[in-house]
Amino acid sequence: QVQLVESGGGLVHTGASLRLSCAASGLSLSSYAMAWFRQAPGKAVEFVAFIDWSGESTLYADSVKGRFTISRDNARNTLSLQMNSLKPEDTAVYSCAARDWKDISHYSSSAAYNYWGQGTQVTVSS
């Protein structure tokens, strides 16, 4: 059974940092491209960051570029998202996702991912 479990969310003030983790079981992340998405209350799911299976290619939403860093540790089967300089507009439930595509087409589309975690809440107060 495939499971992706996020952790590391919380309540922080503007300008703070958080590090989210996504632990995988039932699959080897080294064969999957990974991404983080987020969803704020009343809004659609939004792409945040993407990393290919090797870790050599990363892509970010314009809203988080320069503040967030996605990384992976295939040996530990984990994905991370370092979030710095957090803003109130970053408040959302953050979910990790995995897909077994080898190219980067449609990387920002939630429909292009096979597996999802349940999400972790990030709240940034002003």
Foldseek 3Di string as FASTA:
>chain_A
DKAWAKDWADEEAAFAKIKMKIAIPPDQLLQKKKFKWWDDPPDDIWGAKIAASVRPDIDGDPVQPPFKDWGDDRVRRMIMIIGGRDDQVVWTWMKMFIARDRDCPPVGPPVRTDDIHPTDTHGYHD
